[in-house]
Amino acid sequence: MELLDKLNWRYAAKAMNGETVAEEKIDRILEAARLAPTSSGLQPFEIIVIKNQELKEKIRPEAWNQSVVTECSHLLVFAAWDHYTADRINYMFDLTNEIRGFKNEGWENYRQMLLNAYPQQDPEISFNHAAKQAYIALGTAMIAAAYEKVDCTPMEGFSADKIDDILGLREKGLRSTVLLPIGYRKEDADWLVNLVKVRKPMTDLVTVME
C-alpha cells in the first residue's frame, strides 16, 4: 500500500523549483535502474547524469524548451547502444562468469547464439531493441524516485541528434533515448499539480483468462 500511495502521488512535474536532491537519493534511484531487468542481462544502455547547469542550458532548446530541463536538480539521459557488438556481448558474459565464479556450458552456448545473431542485425533493429531495455530501467528509476518522494518527468520531446551531438554520444556508440529530469515540483507554477490522476479503470486495462 505504501508503494501504491507513492505512485498515486507521483506525476510528470511540469515545473520544478531548482532545489537540489540529496546525492544519496539520486544514488538509490540510479541503483534501482542498474538493478532493472534487461534482455539476456546485457544492459545495452548507459545513463548520463547531468548536474552542470550550463550543459542543461544547452540542452533545453533542443528539448522543446521545457523548463524542467534547467529547473531540475539532476538531468538523466538514458542512452541506448547503437549496435550490439561482439565486444559488448562478451563483456557482459565475461562479467557474469567472473562474478559468479564459474562457467556454465548452457550459458556459453547461449553466448555463442547471441554472437551469431545480434552483431549481424541491422543497426536500427539493434538500437530499437536496446532502447526498449533502457525504458525498462527508466520505469524502474521512476518508481524509485516516487518511493524517495522525488519528482521526475519522463521526456521524449527532444531532438535526439542534437542531444547526441551536445553530449558526444555517437562517438561512444550511444544514442539518446529518453530524458528524465529529477527534482522537486514547483506547485505554484505547475498547472498539473492539483489535477486528479486519470488512468483507465482496471476492467479496461486488464483481461484475465482463467
N, C-alpha and C. Protein backbone atom coordinates (compact mmCIF):
# COMPACT_ATOMS: atom_id res chain seq x y z
N MET A 1 0.83 -1.20 0.00
CA MET A 1 0.00 0.00 0.00
C MET A 1 0.86 1.26 0.00
N GLU A 2 1.98 1.24 0.74
CA GLU A 2 2.85 2.41 0.78
C GLU A 2 3.36 2.75 -0.61
N LEU A 3 3.79 1.75 -1.37
CA LEU A 3 4.29 1.99 -2.71
C LEU A 3 3.18 2.53 -3.61
N LEU A 4 1.98 1.94 -3.52
CA LEU A 4 0.87 2.42 -4.35
C LEU A 4 0.50 3.86 -3.99
N ASP A 5 0.56 4.20 -2.71
CA ASP A 5 0.29 5.58 -2.31
C ASP A 5 1.29 6.53 -2.96
N LYS A 6 2.54 6.13 -3.01
CA LYS A 6 3.56 7.00 -3.59
C LYS A 6 3.43 7.07 -5.11
N LEU A 7 2.98 5.99 -5.74
CA LEU A 7 2.75 6.02 -7.18
C LEU A 7 1.54 6.90 -7.51
N ASN A 8 0.56 6.92 -6.63
CA ASN A 8 -0.57 7.83 -6.81
C ASN A 8 -0.13 9.28 -6.62
N TRP A 9 0.85 9.51 -5.75
CA TRP A 9 1.38 10.85 -5.50
C TRP A 9 2.15 11.39 -6.70
N ARG A 10 2.87 10.51 -7.39
CA ARG A 10 3.75 10.97 -8.46
C ARG A 10 2.96 11.37 -9.70
N TYR A 11 3.54 12.26 -10.45
CA TYR A 11 3.03 12.66 -11.76
C TYR A 11 4.20 13.28 -12.50
N ALA A 12 4.02 13.58 -13.77
CA ALA A 12 5.10 14.19 -14.55
C ALA A 12 5.11 15.69 -14.26
N ALA A 13 5.98 16.11 -13.37
CA ALA A 13 6.04 17.51 -12.97
C ALA A 13 6.31 18.41 -14.17
N LYS A 14 5.55 19.48 -14.28
CA LYS A 14 5.69 20.43 -15.39
C LYS A 14 6.52 21.65 -15.01
N ALA A 15 6.79 21.79 -13.73
CA ALA A 15 7.66 22.87 -13.26
C ALA A 15 8.38 22.38 -12.02
N MET A 16 9.67 22.68 -11.93
CA MET A 16 10.46 22.29 -10.76
C MET A 16 11.06 23.53 -10.13
N ASN A 17 11.42 23.42 -8.86
CA ASN A 17 11.83 24.61 -8.10
C ASN A 17 13.33 24.81 -7.99
N GLY A 18 14.12 23.96 -8.63
CA GLY A 18 15.57 24.13 -8.62
C GLY A 18 16.27 23.60 -7.39
N GLU A 19 15.52 23.11 -6.42
CA GLU A 19 16.13 22.57 -5.20
C GLU A 19 16.95 21.32 -5.51
N THR A 20 18.09 21.21 -4.87
CA THR A 20 18.99 20.08 -5.11
C THR A 20 18.50 18.83 -4.38
N VAL A 21 18.44 17.74 -5.09
CA VAL A 21 18.09 16.44 -4.50
C VAL A 21 19.34 15.84 -3.87
N ALA A 22 19.22 15.35 -2.66
CA ALA A 22 20.36 14.76 -1.96
C ALA A 22 20.99 13.64 -2.79
N GLU A 23 22.31 13.61 -2.82
CA GLU A 23 23.01 12.62 -3.65
C GLU A 23 22.67 11.19 -3.26
N GLU A 24 22.40 10.95 -1.98
CA GLU A 24 22.07 9.57 -1.59
C GLU A 24 20.74 9.13 -2.20
N LYS A 25 19.82 10.05 -2.41
CA LYS A 25 18.57 9.71 -3.08
C LYS A 25 18.83 9.42 -4.56
N ILE A 26 19.63 10.26 -5.19
CA ILE A 26 19.99 10.03 -6.59
C ILE A 26 20.69 8.69 -6.74
N ASP A 27 21.59 8.39 -5.82
CA ASP A 27 22.33 7.12 -5.89
C ASP A 27 21.36 5.93 -5.81
N ARG A 28 20.35 6.03 -4.96
CA ARG A 28 19.40 4.92 -4.84
C ARG A 28 18.53 4.80 -6.09
N ILE A 29 18.18 5.91 -6.68
CA ILE A 29 17.41 5.88 -7.92
C ILE A 29 18.23 5.23 -9.04
N LEU A 30 19.49 5.60 -9.13
CA LEU A 30 20.38 5.02 -10.15
C LEU A 30 20.63 3.54 -9.88
N GLU A 31 20.74 3.19 -8.61
CA GLU A 31 20.95 1.77 -8.29
C GLU A 31 19.72 0.95 -8.68
N ALA A 32 18.53 1.52 -8.48
CA ALA A 32 17.31 0.82 -8.90
C ALA A 32 17.33 0.61 -10.41
N ALA A 33 17.75 1.63 -11.16
CA ALA A 33 17.84 1.49 -12.61
C ALA A 33 18.87 0.43 -12.99
N ARG A 34 19.97 0.38 -12.27
CA ARG A 34 21.02 -0.62 -12.54
C ARG A 34 20.50 -2.03 -12.31
N LEU A 35 19.61 -2.18 -11.33
CA LEU A 35 19.08 -3.50 -10.99
C LEU A 35 17.91 -3.92 -11.87
N ALA A 36 17.46 -3.05 -12.76
CA ALA A 36 16.33 -3.38 -13.62
C ALA A 36 16.67 -4.55 -14.54
N PRO A 37 15.69 -5.38 -14.86
CA PRO A 37 15.94 -6.49 -15.78
C PRO A 37 16.12 -6.00 -17.21
N THR A 38 16.95 -6.72 -17.95
CA THR A 38 17.12 -6.44 -19.38
C THR A 38 17.26 -7.76 -20.14
N SER A 39 16.98 -7.74 -21.41
CA SER A 39 17.04 -8.93 -22.24
C SER A 39 18.45 -9.53 -22.22
N SER A 40 18.52 -10.79 -21.86
CA SER A 40 19.79 -11.53 -21.78
C SER A 40 20.76 -10.92 -20.78
N GLY A 41 20.27 -10.02 -19.94
CA GLY A 41 21.13 -9.39 -18.94
C GLY A 41 22.21 -8.50 -19.51
N LEU A 42 22.02 -8.00 -20.74
CA LEU A 42 23.09 -7.26 -21.41
C LEU A 42 23.17 -5.79 -20.99
N GLN A 43 22.12 -5.25 -20.43
CA GLN A 43 22.09 -3.83 -20.04
C GLN A 43 22.65 -2.95 -21.16
N PRO A 44 21.96 -2.93 -22.32
CA PRO A 44 22.52 -2.27 -23.50
C PRO A 44 22.27 -0.76 -23.53
N PHE A 45 22.65 -0.08 -22.48
CA PHE A 45 22.45 1.36 -22.40
C PHE A 45 23.36 1.93 -21.33
N GLU A 46 23.49 3.23 -21.33
CA GLU A 46 24.18 3.93 -20.26
C GLU A 46 23.28 5.07 -19.79
N ILE A 47 23.53 5.54 -18.58
CA ILE A 47 22.78 6.66 -18.03
C ILE A 47 23.76 7.80 -17.77
N ILE A 48 23.53 8.92 -18.45
CA ILE A 48 24.36 10.09 -18.25
C ILE A 48 23.66 11.01 -17.26
N VAL A 49 24.34 11.35 -16.19
CA VAL A 49 23.77 12.19 -15.13
C VAL A 49 24.37 13.59 -15.25
N ILE A 50 23.50 14.55 -15.54
CA ILE A 50 23.96 15.92 -15.78
C ILE A 50 23.57 16.81 -14.61
N LYS A 51 24.58 17.36 -13.93
CA LYS A 51 24.36 18.32 -12.86
C LYS A 51 24.78 19.72 -13.29
N ASN A 52 25.66 19.80 -14.29
CA ASN A 52 26.20 21.06 -14.77
C ASN A 52 25.09 21.93 -15.37
N GLN A 53 24.89 23.13 -14.80
CA GLN A 53 23.79 23.99 -15.24
C GLN A 53 23.99 24.51 -16.66
N GLU A 54 25.22 24.82 -17.02
CA GLU A 54 25.48 25.31 -18.38
C GLU A 54 25.12 24.26 -19.42
N LEU A 55 25.39 23.01 -19.10
CA LEU A 55 25.06 21.92 -20.02
C LEU A 55 23.55 21.76 -20.13
N LYS A 56 22.85 21.89 -19.01
CA LYS A 56 21.39 21.85 -19.05
C LYS A 56 20.84 22.97 -19.93
N GLU A 57 21.45 24.16 -19.83
CA GLU A 57 21.01 25.30 -20.63
C GLU A 57 21.20 25.03 -22.12
N LYS A 58 22.25 24.31 -22.48
CA LYS A 58 22.48 23.96 -23.88
C LYS A 58 21.44 22.96 -24.38
N ILE A 59 21.05 22.06 -23.49
CA ILE A 59 20.10 21.00 -23.87
C ILE A 59 18.68 21.53 -23.98
N ARG A 60 18.31 22.48 -23.14
CA ARG A 60 16.90 22.93 -23.07
C ARG A 60 16.32 23.33 -24.43
N PRO A 61 16.99 24.13 -25.28
CA PRO A 61 16.39 24.49 -26.56
C PRO A 61 16.14 23.29 -27.47
N GLU A 62 16.91 22.22 -27.26
CA GLU A 62 16.75 21.02 -28.08
C GLU A 62 15.73 20.06 -27.47
N ALA A 63 15.13 20.47 -26.36
CA ALA A 63 14.12 19.66 -25.67
C ALA A 63 12.82 20.46 -25.59
N TRP A 64 12.46 21.06 -26.71
CA TRP A 64 11.21 21.82 -26.82
C TRP A 64 11.12 22.93 -25.78
N ASN A 65 12.28 23.40 -25.34
CA ASN A 65 12.37 24.50 -24.37
C ASN A 65 11.59 24.21 -23.08
N GLN A 66 11.54 22.96 -22.70
CA GLN A 66 10.80 22.60 -21.49
C GLN A 66 11.59 23.02 -20.25
N SER A 67 10.92 23.76 -19.38
CA SER A 67 11.60 24.40 -18.25
C SER A 67 12.22 23.41 -17.27
N VAL A 68 11.63 22.22 -17.15
CA VAL A 68 12.15 21.27 -16.16
C VAL A 68 13.58 20.84 -16.47
N VAL A 69 14.00 21.00 -17.73
CA VAL A 69 15.37 20.63 -18.09
C VAL A 69 16.39 21.47 -17.32
N THR A 70 16.08 22.75 -17.14
CA THR A 70 17.01 23.63 -16.43
C THR A 70 16.63 23.83 -14.97
N GLU A 71 15.39 23.54 -14.62
CA GLU A 71 14.94 23.71 -13.23
C GLU A 71 15.21 22.48 -12.37
N CYS A 72 15.53 21.37 -13.00
CA CYS A 72 15.71 20.13 -12.25
C CYS A 72 17.04 20.14 -11.48
N SER A 73 17.14 19.22 -10.55
CA SER A 73 18.38 19.04 -9.81
C SER A 73 19.39 18.24 -10.63
N HIS A 74 18.94 17.11 -11.16
CA HIS A 74 19.77 16.23 -11.97
C HIS A 74 18.99 15.87 -13.24
N LEU A 75 19.64 15.94 -14.36
CA LEU A 75 19.04 15.53 -15.63
C LEU A 75 19.66 14.21 -16.06
N LEU A 76 18.82 13.16 -16.12
CA LEU A 76 19.30 11.84 -16.55
C LEU A 76 19.00 11.66 -18.03
N VAL A 77 20.01 11.21 -18.76
CA VAL A 77 19.84 10.89 -20.17
C VAL A 77 20.08 9.39 -20.33
N PHE A 78 19.04 8.68 -20.73
CA PHE A 78 19.17 7.24 -20.99
C PHE A 78 19.60 7.09 -22.44
N ALA A 79 20.79 6.55 -22.65
CA ALA A 79 21.37 6.43 -23.98
C ALA A 79 21.59 4.96 -24.31
N ALA A 80 20.92 4.49 -25.34
CA ALA A 80 21.00 3.07 -25.72
C ALA A 80 22.18 2.82 -26.66
N TRP A 81 22.66 1.58 -26.64
CA TRP A 81 23.69 1.18 -27.60
C TRP A 81 23.18 1.40 -29.02
N ASP A 82 24.04 1.86 -29.90
CA ASP A 82 23.64 2.00 -31.30
C ASP A 82 23.70 0.67 -32.04
N HIS A 83 24.40 -0.32 -31.45
CA HIS A 83 24.50 -1.63 -32.09
C HIS A 83 25.03 -2.64 -31.08
N TYR A 84 24.63 -3.88 -31.24
CA TYR A 84 25.18 -4.96 -30.41
C TYR A 84 26.45 -5.46 -31.09
N THR A 85 27.57 -5.31 -30.42
CA THR A 85 28.83 -5.79 -30.96
C THR A 85 29.29 -7.02 -30.18
N ALA A 86 30.21 -7.76 -30.75
CA ALA A 86 30.76 -8.92 -30.06
C ALA A 86 31.43 -8.50 -28.76
N ASP A 87 32.15 -7.38 -28.78
CA ASP A 87 32.83 -6.92 -27.57
C ASP A 87 31.84 -6.62 -26.45
N ARG A 88 30.73 -5.98 -26.82
CA ARG A 88 29.74 -5.62 -25.80
C ARG A 88 29.07 -6.87 -25.23
N ILE A 89 28.76 -7.81 -26.07
CA ILE A 89 28.13 -9.04 -25.62
C ILE A 89 29.10 -9.84 -24.75
N ASN A 90 30.32 -9.97 -25.23
CA ASN A 90 31.31 -10.74 -24.47
C ASN A 90 31.62 -10.12 -23.12
N TYR A 91 31.62 -8.80 -23.05
CA TYR A 91 31.90 -8.12 -21.78
C TYR A 91 30.91 -8.58 -20.71
N MET A 92 29.61 -8.58 -21.04
CA MET A 92 28.61 -8.93 -20.04
C MET A 92 28.67 -10.41 -19.67
N PHE A 93 28.93 -11.28 -20.65
CA PHE A 93 29.04 -12.70 -20.34
C PHE A 93 30.28 -12.98 -19.50
N ASP A 94 31.41 -12.33 -19.84
CA ASP A 94 32.63 -12.50 -19.05
C ASP A 94 32.44 -11.96 -17.63
N LEU A 95 31.75 -10.84 -17.50
CA LEU A 95 31.49 -10.27 -16.19
C LEU A 95 30.65 -11.23 -15.35
N THR A 96 29.65 -11.83 -15.98
CA THR A 96 28.80 -12.80 -15.27
C THR A 96 29.63 -13.97 -14.76
N ASN A 97 30.49 -14.50 -15.62
CA ASN A 97 31.33 -15.63 -15.23
C ASN A 97 32.28 -15.25 -14.09
N GLU A 98 32.80 -14.03 -14.17
CA GLU A 98 33.74 -13.57 -13.14
C GLU A 98 33.04 -13.42 -11.79
N ILE A 99 31.87 -12.81 -11.79
CA ILE A 99 31.16 -12.56 -10.54
C ILE A 99 30.63 -13.86 -9.93
N ARG A 100 30.13 -14.74 -10.79
CA ARG A 100 29.57 -15.99 -10.28
C ARG A 100 30.65 -17.02 -9.98
N GLY A 101 31.82 -16.86 -10.58
CA GLY A 101 32.95 -17.72 -10.25
C GLY A 101 32.96 -19.05 -10.96
N PHE A 102 32.17 -19.19 -11.99
CA PHE A 102 32.20 -20.45 -12.75
C PHE A 102 31.64 -20.22 -14.15
N LYS A 103 31.95 -21.17 -15.05
CA LYS A 103 31.40 -21.16 -16.40
C LYS A 103 30.37 -22.27 -16.52
N ASN A 104 29.32 -21.98 -17.25
CA ASN A 104 28.23 -22.92 -17.45
C ASN A 104 28.11 -23.21 -18.93
N GLU A 105 28.06 -24.49 -19.29
CA GLU A 105 28.03 -24.85 -20.71
C GLU A 105 26.81 -24.26 -21.42
N GLY A 106 25.66 -24.35 -20.76
CA GLY A 106 24.46 -23.79 -21.36
C GLY A 106 24.56 -22.29 -21.56
N TRP A 107 25.14 -21.62 -20.58
CA TRP A 107 25.33 -20.17 -20.65
C TRP A 107 26.29 -19.81 -21.79
N GLU A 108 27.36 -20.59 -21.94
CA GLU A 108 28.32 -20.33 -23.01
C GLU A 108 27.71 -20.60 -24.39
N ASN A 109 26.85 -21.61 -24.45
CA ASN A 109 26.14 -21.86 -25.71
C ASN A 109 25.21 -20.71 -26.06
N TYR A 110 24.60 -20.15 -25.01
CA TYR A 110 23.70 -19.00 -25.23
C TYR A 110 24.50 -17.78 -25.69
N ARG A 111 25.69 -17.59 -25.12
CA ARG A 111 26.58 -16.52 -25.56
C ARG A 111 26.84 -16.65 -27.06
N GLN A 112 27.18 -17.86 -27.49
CA GLN A 112 27.51 -18.07 -28.90
C GLN A 112 26.30 -17.82 -29.80
N MET A 113 25.13 -18.19 -29.31
CA MET A 113 23.92 -17.95 -30.08
C MET A 113 23.73 -16.45 -30.32
N LEU A 114 23.93 -15.65 -29.26
CA LEU A 114 23.79 -14.21 -29.41
C LEU A 114 24.87 -13.64 -30.33
N LEU A 115 26.09 -14.15 -30.20
CA LEU A 115 27.18 -13.67 -31.06
C LEU A 115 26.92 -13.99 -32.53
N ASN A 116 26.22 -15.08 -32.77
CA ASN A 116 25.92 -15.47 -34.14
C ASN A 116 24.74 -14.69 -34.73
N ALA A 117 24.00 -14.00 -33.85
CA ALA A 117 22.78 -13.34 -34.31
C ALA A 117 22.83 -11.81 -34.19
N TYR A 118 23.15 -11.30 -33.02
CA TYR A 118 22.99 -9.87 -32.76
C TYR A 118 23.91 -8.96 -33.57
N PRO A 119 25.22 -9.22 -33.62
CA PRO A 119 26.09 -8.28 -34.34
C PRO A 119 25.76 -8.18 -35.83
N GLN A 120 25.11 -9.19 -36.37
CA GLN A 120 24.78 -9.18 -37.79
C GLN A 120 23.47 -8.45 -38.10
N GLN A 121 22.74 -8.06 -37.07
CA GLN A 121 21.47 -7.38 -37.28
C GLN A 121 21.67 -5.99 -37.88
N ASP A 122 20.61 -5.51 -38.53
CA ASP A 122 20.60 -4.12 -38.97
C ASP A 122 20.76 -3.23 -37.74
N PRO A 123 21.64 -2.23 -37.78
CA PRO A 123 21.88 -1.39 -36.61
C PRO A 123 20.62 -0.73 -36.05
N GLU A 124 19.68 -0.37 -36.92
CA GLU A 124 18.46 0.27 -36.43
C GLU A 124 17.61 -0.71 -35.63
N ILE A 125 17.59 -1.98 -36.04
CA ILE A 125 16.88 -3.00 -35.27
C ILE A 125 17.55 -3.17 -33.91
N SER A 126 18.87 -3.18 -33.90
CA SER A 126 19.62 -3.31 -32.65
C SER A 126 19.33 -2.14 -31.72
N PHE A 127 19.36 -0.93 -32.27
CA PHE A 127 19.11 0.25 -31.44
C PHE A 127 17.71 0.22 -30.85
N ASN A 128 16.72 -0.13 -31.66
CA ASN A 128 15.35 -0.16 -31.17
C ASN A 128 15.18 -1.18 -30.04
N HIS A 129 15.86 -2.31 -30.18
CA HIS A 129 15.81 -3.32 -29.13
C HIS A 129 16.48 -2.81 -27.86
N ALA A 130 17.64 -2.19 -28.02
CA ALA A 130 18.36 -1.65 -26.86
C ALA A 130 17.56 -0.54 -26.19
N ALA A 131 16.89 0.28 -26.98
CA ALA A 131 16.09 1.38 -26.42
C ALA A 131 14.96 0.85 -25.55
N LYS A 132 14.36 -0.27 -25.96
CA LYS A 132 13.29 -0.87 -25.15
C LYS A 132 13.83 -1.30 -23.80
N GLN A 133 15.05 -1.78 -23.77
CA GLN A 133 15.65 -2.18 -22.49
C GLN A 133 15.90 -0.96 -21.62
N ALA A 134 16.31 0.14 -22.24
CA ALA A 134 16.53 1.38 -21.49
C ALA A 134 15.23 1.85 -20.85
N TYR A 135 14.11 1.63 -21.54
CA TYR A 135 12.83 2.06 -21.00
C TYR A 135 12.43 1.23 -19.77
N ILE A 136 12.86 -0.02 -19.71
CA ILE A 136 12.60 -0.80 -18.50
C ILE A 136 13.31 -0.16 -17.32
N ALA A 137 14.57 0.25 -17.54
CA ALA A 137 15.32 0.92 -16.48
C ALA A 137 14.71 2.27 -16.15
N LEU A 138 14.22 2.98 -17.15
CA LEU A 138 13.55 4.25 -16.92
C LEU A 138 12.36 4.07 -15.97
N GLY A 139 11.51 3.09 -16.26
CA GLY A 139 10.35 2.85 -15.41
C GLY A 139 10.75 2.52 -13.99
N THR A 140 11.79 1.71 -13.86
CA THR A 140 12.27 1.35 -12.52
C THR A 140 12.79 2.57 -11.78
N ALA A 141 13.51 3.45 -12.49
CA ALA A 141 14.02 4.68 -11.88
C ALA A 141 12.88 5.58 -11.43
N MET A 142 11.82 5.64 -12.22
CA MET A 142 10.68 6.48 -11.87
C MET A 142 9.96 5.97 -10.62
N ILE A 143 9.85 4.66 -10.52
CA ILE A 143 9.24 4.09 -9.32
C ILE A 143 10.12 4.38 -8.10
N ALA A 144 11.43 4.25 -8.28
CA ALA A 144 12.35 4.53 -7.17
C ALA A 144 12.27 5.99 -6.76
N ALA A 145 12.15 6.89 -7.74
CA ALA A 145 12.03 8.31 -7.43
C ALA A 145 10.77 8.58 -6.61
N ALA A 146 9.66 7.95 -7.02
CA ALA A 146 8.42 8.12 -6.26
C ALA A 146 8.59 7.62 -4.84
N TYR A 147 9.27 6.49 -4.69
CA TYR A 147 9.50 5.93 -3.36
C TYR A 147 10.32 6.89 -2.49
N GLU A 148 11.25 7.62 -3.15
CA GLU A 148 12.08 8.59 -2.44
C GLU A 148 11.36 9.92 -2.25
N LYS A 149 10.11 10.04 -2.74
CA LYS A 149 9.32 11.28 -2.71
C LYS A 149 10.06 12.39 -3.47
N VAL A 150 10.59 12.00 -4.62
CA VAL A 150 11.29 12.91 -5.52
C VAL A 150 10.52 12.94 -6.83
N ASP A 151 10.38 14.12 -7.41
CA ASP A 151 9.65 14.23 -8.68
C ASP A 151 10.56 13.94 -9.87
N CYS A 152 9.93 13.50 -10.94
CA CYS A 152 10.66 13.28 -12.18
C CYS A 152 9.69 13.43 -13.34
N THR A 153 10.24 13.67 -14.53
CA THR A 153 9.43 13.93 -15.70
C THR A 153 10.02 13.20 -16.91
N PRO A 154 9.47 12.05 -17.30
CA PRO A 154 10.00 11.36 -18.48
C PRO A 154 9.72 12.16 -19.73
N MET A 155 10.71 12.31 -20.60
CA MET A 155 10.59 13.18 -21.76
C MET A 155 11.10 12.52 -23.03
N GLU A 156 10.24 12.42 -24.02
CA GLU A 156 10.65 12.02 -25.36
C GLU A 156 10.71 13.22 -26.31
N GLY A 157 10.21 14.36 -25.83
CA GLY A 157 10.15 15.55 -26.67
C GLY A 157 11.48 16.27 -26.74
N PHE A 158 12.38 15.78 -27.57
CA PHE A 158 13.67 16.42 -27.76
C PHE A 158 14.28 15.96 -29.09
N SER A 159 15.22 16.73 -29.57
CA SER A 159 15.93 16.37 -30.79
C SER A 159 17.08 15.44 -30.43
N ALA A 160 16.90 14.17 -30.71
CA ALA A 160 17.91 13.18 -30.31
C ALA A 160 19.26 13.46 -30.96
N ASP A 161 19.25 13.81 -32.23
CA ASP A 161 20.51 14.08 -32.93
C ASP A 161 21.27 15.22 -32.27
N LYS A 162 20.54 16.26 -31.88
CA LYS A 162 21.20 17.42 -31.26
C LYS A 162 21.73 17.06 -29.87
N ILE A 163 20.95 16.31 -29.11
CA ILE A 163 21.41 15.88 -27.78
C ILE A 163 22.63 14.98 -27.91
N ASP A 164 22.58 14.07 -28.88
CA ASP A 164 23.73 13.19 -29.12
C ASP A 164 24.99 14.00 -29.41
N ASP A 165 24.81 15.08 -30.20
CA ASP A 165 25.95 15.93 -30.57
C ASP A 165 26.48 16.69 -29.36
N ILE A 166 25.58 17.25 -28.56
CA ILE A 166 26.00 18.02 -27.38
C ILE A 166 26.78 17.15 -26.41
N LEU A 167 26.33 15.92 -26.23
CA LEU A 167 26.95 15.01 -25.25
C LEU A 167 28.01 14.10 -25.85
N GLY A 168 28.22 14.18 -27.17
CA GLY A 168 29.21 13.32 -27.81
C GLY A 168 28.89 11.85 -27.72
N LEU A 169 27.61 11.52 -27.82
CA LEU A 169 27.19 10.13 -27.63
C LEU A 169 27.53 9.22 -28.80
N ARG A 170 27.39 9.72 -30.02
CA ARG A 170 27.62 8.85 -31.18
C ARG A 170 29.05 8.32 -31.20
N GLU A 171 29.99 9.15 -30.74
CA GLU A 171 31.38 8.71 -30.70
C GLU A 171 31.58 7.55 -29.72
N LYS A 172 30.65 7.41 -28.78
CA LYS A 172 30.72 6.34 -27.79
C LYS A 172 29.84 5.15 -28.17
N GLY A 173 29.25 5.20 -29.37
CA GLY A 173 28.37 4.11 -29.79
C GLY A 173 27.03 4.14 -29.08
N LEU A 174 26.56 5.35 -28.71
CA LEU A 174 25.31 5.50 -27.98
C LEU A 174 24.39 6.47 -28.71
N ARG A 175 23.10 6.35 -28.44
CA ARG A 175 22.09 7.28 -28.96
C ARG A 175 21.10 7.60 -27.85
N SER A 176 20.80 8.87 -27.66
CA SER A 176 19.87 9.27 -26.62
C SER A 176 18.49 8.71 -26.90
N THR A 177 17.83 8.25 -25.86
CA THR A 177 16.55 7.56 -25.98
C THR A 177 15.44 8.30 -25.25
N VAL A 178 15.70 8.70 -24.01
CA VAL A 178 14.69 9.39 -23.20
C VAL A 178 15.41 10.20 -22.14
N LEU A 179 14.82 11.34 -21.78
CA LEU A 179 15.37 12.20 -20.73
C LEU A 179 14.53 12.05 -19.46
N LEU A 180 15.18 12.21 -18.31
CA LEU A 180 14.46 12.15 -17.04
C LEU A 180 14.99 13.23 -16.10
N PRO A 181 14.41 14.44 -16.15
CA PRO A 181 14.74 15.44 -15.14
C PRO A 181 14.25 14.97 -13.77
N ILE A 182 15.08 15.16 -12.75
CA ILE A 182 14.74 14.77 -11.38
C ILE A 182 14.88 15.99 -10.49
N GLY A 183 13.87 16.24 -9.68
CA GLY A 183 13.92 17.40 -8.79
C GLY A 183 12.69 17.43 -7.90
N TYR A 184 12.25 18.64 -7.60
CA TYR A 184 11.07 18.83 -6.76
C TYR A 184 10.09 19.78 -7.43
N ARG A 185 8.83 19.42 -7.40
CA ARG A 185 7.78 20.20 -8.06
C ARG A 185 7.69 21.62 -7.50
N LYS A 186 7.38 22.54 -8.41
CA LYS A 186 7.11 23.93 -8.03
C LYS A 186 5.60 24.12 -8.14
N GLU A 187 4.93 23.94 -7.02
CA GLU A 187 3.48 23.81 -7.02
C GLU A 187 2.76 25.05 -7.55
N ASP A 188 3.29 26.25 -7.28
CA ASP A 188 2.59 27.46 -7.70
C ASP A 188 2.78 27.79 -9.17
N ALA A 189 3.60 26.98 -9.88
CA ALA A 189 3.83 27.23 -11.30
C ALA A 189 3.48 26.03 -12.17
N ASP A 190 2.92 25.00 -11.55
CA ASP A 190 2.66 23.75 -12.27
C ASP A 190 1.15 23.55 -12.41
N TRP A 191 0.67 23.65 -13.64
CA TRP A 191 -0.77 23.53 -13.89
C TRP A 191 -1.31 22.13 -13.61
N LEU A 192 -0.41 21.14 -13.57
CA LEU A 192 -0.86 19.76 -13.43
C LEU A 192 -0.92 19.29 -11.97
N VAL A 193 -0.28 20.04 -11.08
CA VAL A 193 -0.01 19.52 -9.74
C VAL A 193 -1.27 19.13 -8.96
N ASN A 194 -2.35 19.88 -9.09
CA ASN A 194 -3.53 19.61 -8.28
C ASN A 194 -4.63 18.87 -9.03
N LEU A 195 -4.36 18.47 -10.25
CA LEU A 195 -5.37 17.74 -11.01
C LEU A 195 -5.40 16.27 -10.60
N VAL A 196 -6.58 15.70 -10.62
CA VAL A 196 -6.74 14.30 -10.24
C VAL A 196 -6.04 13.40 -11.26
N LYS A 197 -5.32 12.41 -10.78
CA LYS A 197 -4.67 11.45 -11.68
C LYS A 197 -5.75 10.65 -12.40
N VAL A 198 -5.60 10.52 -13.71
CA VAL A 198 -6.58 9.80 -14.52
C VAL A 198 -5.90 8.59 -15.17
N ARG A 199 -6.46 7.43 -14.91
CA ARG A 199 -5.99 6.20 -15.54
C ARG A 199 -7.22 5.38 -15.94
N LYS A 200 -7.06 4.50 -16.91
CA LYS A 200 -8.15 3.60 -17.29
C LYS A 200 -8.60 2.79 -16.07
N PRO A 201 -9.88 2.46 -15.98
CA PRO A 201 -10.29 1.52 -14.94
C PRO A 201 -9.66 0.16 -15.21
N MET A 202 -9.46 -0.61 -14.17
CA MET A 202 -8.82 -1.91 -14.29
C MET A 202 -9.53 -2.81 -15.30
N THR A 203 -10.87 -2.68 -15.38
CA THR A 203 -11.63 -3.53 -16.29
C THR A 203 -11.31 -3.24 -17.76
N ASP A 204 -10.87 -2.02 -18.06
CA ASP A 204 -10.50 -1.67 -19.43
C ASP A 204 -9.04 -1.94 -19.73
N LEU A 205 -8.27 -2.19 -18.69
CA LEU A 205 -6.83 -2.37 -18.86
C LEU A 205 -6.39 -3.83 -18.81
N VAL A 206 -7.03 -4.60 -17.95
CA VAL A 206 -6.58 -5.97 -17.67
C VAL A 206 -7.65 -6.97 -18.11
N THR A 207 -7.19 -7.98 -18.85
CA THR A 207 -8.04 -9.10 -19.21
C THR A 207 -7.51 -10.36 -18.53
N VAL A 208 -8.33 -10.99 -17.75
CA VAL A 208 -7.93 -12.21 -17.04
C VAL A 208 -8.50 -13.42 -17.77
N MET A 209 -7.64 -14.33 -18.14
CA MET A 209 -8.08 -15.56 -18.81
C MET A 209 -7.88 -16.73 -17.86
N GLU A 210 -8.97 -17.31 -17.40
CA GLU A 210 -8.89 -18.42 -16.42
C GLU A 210 -9.13 -19.76 -17.10
